[in-house]
Protein backbone atom coordinates (compact mmCIF):
# COMPACT_ATOMS: atom_id res chain seq x y z
CA UNK A 1 -8.87 -160.88 -77.25
CA UNK A 2 -6.26 -159.53 -79.59
CA UNK A 3 -3.03 -158.51 -77.99
CA UNK A 4 -1.48 -155.15 -78.66
CA UNK A 5 2.19 -154.89 -79.45
CA UNK A 6 4.30 -152.83 -77.02
CA UNK A 7 5.11 -150.25 -79.70
CA UNK A 8 1.44 -149.68 -80.43
CA UNK A 9 0.59 -149.55 -76.73
CA UNK A 10 3.28 -146.95 -76.24
CA UNK A 11 1.92 -144.86 -79.12
CA UNK A 12 -1.65 -145.28 -77.92
CA UNK A 13 -0.84 -143.88 -74.49
CA UNK A 14 1.52 -141.12 -75.59
CA UNK A 15 0.64 -137.42 -75.10
CA UNK A 16 1.67 -136.87 -78.73
CA UNK A 17 -1.09 -139.19 -79.92
CA UNK A 18 -3.68 -137.57 -77.66
CA UNK A 19 -2.71 -134.12 -78.91
CA UNK A 20 -2.74 -135.25 -82.53
CA UNK A 21 -6.23 -136.72 -82.27
CA UNK A 22 -7.53 -133.67 -80.40
CA UNK A 23 -6.09 -131.42 -83.11
CA UNK A 24 -7.68 -133.43 -85.91
CA UNK A 25 -11.06 -133.51 -84.16
CA UNK A 26 -10.90 -129.73 -83.80
CA UNK A 27 -9.97 -129.41 -87.47
CA UNK A 28 -12.93 -131.59 -88.46
CA UNK A 29 -15.28 -129.46 -86.37
CA UNK A 30 -13.86 -126.35 -88.04
CA UNK A 31 -14.52 -127.83 -91.50
CA UNK A 32 -18.09 -128.74 -90.52
CA UNK A 33 -18.64 -125.23 -89.17
CA UNK A 34 -17.33 -123.71 -92.43
CA UNK A 35 -19.73 -125.91 -94.40
CA UNK A 36 -22.71 -124.91 -92.24
CA UNK A 37 -21.77 -121.23 -92.37
CA UNK A 38 -21.61 -121.41 -96.17
CA UNK A 39 -25.06 -123.02 -96.25
CA UNK A 40 -26.49 -120.36 -93.93
CA UNK A 41 -25.08 -117.51 -95.99
CA UNK A 42 -26.16 -119.14 -99.24
CA UNK A 43 -29.71 -119.62 -98.05
CA UNK A 44 -29.95 -115.90 -97.35
CA UNK A 45 -29.20 -115.35 -101.03
CA UNK A 46 -31.79 -117.98 -102.00
CA UNK A 47 -34.44 -116.32 -99.83
CA UNK A 48 -33.62 -112.90 -101.24
CA UNK A 49 -33.88 -114.26 -104.78
CA UNK A 50 -37.27 -115.80 -104.03
CA UNK A 51 -38.56 -112.48 -102.76
CA UNK A 52 -37.67 -111.00 -106.14
CA UNK A 53 -39.37 -113.84 -107.98
CA UNK A 54 -36.14 -115.46 -109.14
CA UNK A 55 -35.87 -119.24 -109.37
CA UNK A 56 -32.13 -119.45 -108.79
CA UNK A 57 -29.99 -120.03 -106.94
CA UNK A 58 -31.75 -122.96 -105.28
CA UNK A 59 -31.09 -124.74 -102.01
CA UNK A 60 -29.53 -127.58 -104.03
CA UNK A 61 -27.19 -125.07 -105.67
CA UNK A 62 -26.10 -123.79 -102.27
CA UNK A 63 -25.49 -127.29 -100.94
CA UNK A 64 -23.42 -128.22 -103.98
CA UNK A 65 -21.36 -125.04 -103.70
CA UNK A 66 -20.83 -125.62 -99.98
CA UNK A 67 -19.47 -129.08 -100.74
CA UNK A 68 -17.00 -127.62 -103.23
CA UNK A 69 -16.07 -124.93 -100.69
CA UNK A 70 -14.78 -127.45 -98.13
CA UNK A 71 -13.80 -130.30 -100.45
CA UNK A 72 -10.05 -129.64 -100.52
CA UNK A 73 -9.87 -129.40 -96.72
CA UNK A 74 -11.78 -132.67 -96.30
CA UNK A 75 -9.57 -134.41 -98.82
CA UNK A 76 -6.39 -133.14 -97.19
CA UNK A 77 -7.61 -134.37 -93.79
CA UNK A 78 -8.52 -137.77 -95.25
CA UNK A 79 -5.07 -138.20 -96.79
CA UNK A 80 -3.57 -137.59 -93.37
CA UNK A 81 -5.86 -140.04 -91.58
CA UNK A 82 -5.77 -142.76 -94.25
CA UNK A 83 -2.02 -143.15 -93.91
CA UNK A 84 -1.98 -143.03 -90.11
CA UNK A 85 -4.94 -145.20 -89.11
CA UNK A 86 -4.80 -148.98 -88.57
CA UNK A 87 -5.63 -151.12 -91.58
CA UNK A 88 -8.77 -152.63 -90.07
CA UNK A 89 -10.14 -149.21 -89.11
CA UNK A 90 -9.64 -148.07 -92.70
CA UNK A 91 -11.53 -151.14 -93.94
CA UNK A 92 -14.47 -150.20 -91.72
CA UNK A 93 -14.28 -146.65 -93.03
CA UNK A 94 -14.35 -147.82 -96.66
CA UNK A 95 -17.38 -149.95 -95.90
CA UNK A 96 -19.33 -147.12 -94.28
CA UNK A 97 -18.16 -144.31 -96.57
CA UNK A 98 -17.68 -145.93 -99.99
CA UNK A 99 -17.89 -142.65 -101.91
CA UNK A 100 -15.46 -140.73 -99.69
CA UNK A 101 -13.12 -139.87 -102.57
CA UNK A 102 -15.81 -138.64 -104.97
CA UNK A 103 -18.40 -137.05 -102.67
CA UNK A 104 -16.33 -136.00 -99.69
CA UNK A 105 -19.00 -133.59 -98.43
CA UNK A 106 -21.15 -136.61 -97.51
CA UNK A 107 -18.68 -137.19 -94.69
CA UNK A 108 -20.39 -134.15 -93.18
CA UNK A 109 -24.01 -134.60 -94.25
CA UNK A 110 -24.36 -138.37 -93.80
CA UNK A 111 -24.40 -139.39 -90.12
CA UNK A 112 -22.86 -142.89 -90.53
CA UNK A 113 -20.11 -141.49 -92.76
CA UNK A 114 -19.42 -138.69 -90.29
CA UNK A 115 -19.12 -141.28 -87.52
CA UNK A 116 -16.76 -143.33 -89.69
CA UNK A 117 -14.45 -140.36 -90.14
CA UNK A 118 -14.48 -139.61 -86.42
CA UNK A 119 -13.51 -143.23 -85.80
CA UNK A 120 -10.58 -142.77 -88.16
CA UNK A 121 -9.49 -139.71 -86.25
CA UNK A 122 -9.71 -141.39 -82.86
CA UNK A 123 -7.68 -144.39 -84.07
CA UNK A 124 -5.00 -142.54 -86.02
CA UNK A 125 -1.44 -141.89 -84.88
CA UNK A 126 0.86 -138.89 -85.37
CA UNK A 127 3.13 -140.94 -87.63
CA UNK A 128 2.47 -143.15 -90.62
CA UNK A 129 1.67 -146.72 -89.64
CA UNK A 130 1.44 -149.24 -92.49
CA UNK A 131 2.06 -146.66 -95.24
CA UNK A 132 5.61 -146.49 -96.56
CA UNK A 133 5.22 -144.45 -99.74
CA UNK A 134 2.10 -142.38 -99.18
CA UNK A 135 1.77 -139.24 -97.13
CA UNK A 136 -0.78 -136.48 -96.67
CA UNK A 137 -1.57 -133.99 -99.42
CA UNK A 138 -1.65 -130.26 -98.88
CA UNK A 139 -4.98 -128.49 -99.28
CA UNK A 140 -3.74 -126.98 -102.56
CA UNK A 141 -2.83 -130.34 -104.09
CA UNK A 142 -6.00 -131.97 -102.78
CA UNK A 143 -8.01 -129.34 -104.64
CA UNK A 144 -6.38 -130.28 -107.94
CA UNK A 145 -8.33 -133.05 -109.70
CA UNK A 146 -5.25 -134.62 -111.31
CA UNK A 147 -3.23 -134.65 -108.09
CA UNK A 148 -6.18 -136.01 -106.15
CA UNK A 149 -6.87 -138.80 -108.63
CA UNK A 150 -3.22 -139.82 -108.61
CA UNK A 151 -3.10 -139.85 -104.81
CA UNK A 152 -6.24 -141.98 -104.48
CA UNK A 153 -4.96 -144.47 -107.07
CA UNK A 154 -1.52 -144.78 -105.49
CA UNK A 155 -2.97 -144.95 -102.01
CA UNK A 156 -5.34 -147.73 -103.07
CA UNK A 157 -2.46 -149.73 -104.50
CA UNK A 158 -0.31 -149.44 -101.37
CA UNK A 159 -3.21 -149.98 -99.01
CA UNK A 160 -4.27 -153.06 -100.97
CA UNK A 161 -0.80 -154.55 -100.73
CA UNK A 162 -0.62 -153.85 -96.99
CA UNK A 163 -4.11 -155.26 -96.36
CA UNK A 164 -3.35 -158.43 -98.30
CA UNK A 165 -0.16 -158.91 -96.30
CA UNK A 166 -2.13 -158.46 -93.09
CA UNK A 167 -4.72 -161.03 -94.15
CA UNK A 168 -2.02 -163.54 -95.04
CA UNK A 169 -0.74 -163.22 -91.48
CA UNK A 170 -4.17 -163.38 -89.91
CA UNK A 171 -3.97 -167.10 -89.25
CA UNK A 172 -1.03 -166.55 -86.99
CA UNK A 173 -2.91 -163.81 -85.16
CA UNK A 174 -5.94 -166.01 -84.67
CA UNK A 175 -3.73 -168.83 -83.47
CA UNK A 176 -2.74 -166.77 -80.47
CA UNK A 177 0.65 -165.55 -81.57
CA UNK A 178 -0.60 -162.03 -80.95
CA UNK A 179 0.76 -160.67 -84.20
CA UNK A 180 -1.36 -157.62 -84.87
CA UNK A 181 -2.57 -156.91 -88.36
CA UNK A 182 -0.44 -154.22 -89.90
CA UNK A 183 0.82 -153.57 -86.39
CA UNK A 184 -2.65 -153.17 -84.88
CA UNK A 185 -4.71 -155.97 -83.35
CA UNK A 186 -8.30 -154.72 -83.01
CA UNK A 187 -10.92 -155.42 -85.63
CA UNK A 188 -9.59 -158.71 -86.96
CA UNK A 189 -13.09 -159.98 -87.73
CA UNK A 190 -13.96 -157.04 -89.96
CA UNK A 191 -10.73 -157.38 -91.90
CA UNK A 192 -11.33 -161.07 -92.49
CA UNK A 193 -14.94 -160.35 -93.49
CA UNK A 194 -13.61 -158.27 -96.35
CA UNK A 195 -10.78 -160.69 -97.18
CA UNK A 196 -12.29 -161.93 -100.50
CA UNK A 197 -12.59 -158.38 -101.80
CA UNK A 198 -9.19 -157.30 -100.52
CA UNK A 199 -7.45 -160.33 -101.96
CA UNK A 200 -9.12 -159.66 -105.31
CA UNK A 201 -8.46 -155.96 -105.22
CA UNK A 202 -5.01 -155.78 -106.71
CA UNK A 203 -6.08 -156.58 -110.25
CA UNK A 204 -7.79 -153.74 -112.06
CA UNK A 205 -9.76 -151.51 -109.72
CA UNK A 206 -7.56 -151.46 -106.65
CA UNK A 207 -8.59 -152.67 -103.23
CA UNK A 208 -10.19 -149.40 -102.10
CA UNK A 209 -12.47 -149.31 -105.11
CA UNK A 210 -13.31 -153.00 -104.83
CA UNK A 211 -14.42 -152.56 -101.21
CA UNK A 212 -16.39 -149.45 -102.14
CA UNK A 213 -18.21 -151.22 -104.95
CA UNK A 214 -18.96 -154.23 -102.76
CA UNK A 215 -20.26 -152.01 -99.97
CA UNK A 216 -22.80 -150.43 -102.30
CA UNK A 217 -24.38 -153.81 -103.10
């Protein structure tokens, strides 16, 4: 069993952490509700159009528009969670939601991806953990394609460096020294499972993209 460092144990049991996670879960539910409400309203328009013999908008049009409607909020939430969750939890998230940065609405519509995001929320802390340079984006910046692309690229670079450092120290953790990966001990096996991709990820694509591509295979 992996040991948990005192600092992490203290954070895990703090009221601040509990309140933070509760707040983020409520925010996620609010985003999902906004998406569903948009779909419901849009389908009324689709049905009305059909009654008049029109062929548009379609259900697919409504779903695409609903995704755009909540995209900035999902992205902003992800930037918060992906700098405050343990490294190994993020690796599991990247495996289960490889297209999170391009098709963020699938975090709502795809059950495994939804579960992956909830796991991020329930493992995250109120303060940045491994991240030193990255922080959350505002909804306004997350909506901007250039700002979003830059954030994802920079986040991938820093996350890759942190993950590689964690893997390099994994031997000590396995040996019983109790040194948690990136400050967090759970999920060592999953991190090591992805070690070849993470260690190769700092070249061209960045570790986040490398894991995403590998997960699709």
